[in-house]
């Protein structure tokens, strides 16, 4: 038995297609896989996306998580990311800003009110 594990947050979404479009457009996420109860129906559905070396699961199933979850993603340079994401509109919530704990952070909100905190060390 291995003593290492990978933590994968599950973000609750109302509409998986809309959520996937957001993450692909805003953060250049790649869809690793997708599952739908009814093939051809958008919801309920579940998917894994990969972005910045991390994995996130997105779920529109009733029992999976709560809207408004926060996820922290480390990135190489939050200012470079912010410059590339300058056209985010409503997604941009706060930052980039230097934090007293030694990180420079940018906060985004997805269409389902989940918060993405992106940070790089100063």
Foldseek 3Di string as FASTA:
>chain_A
DDPDDADAEEAEDQWVVQQVVLCCVQFVKDWPDKDAPDPPDGPQIKTWIDGQNGIYIYGNDPPHDDQQAEDEAEHADVVVSCVVNVPVPQQWDDDQDQDPVQWGWTWGAGPRNHIYIYIYGD
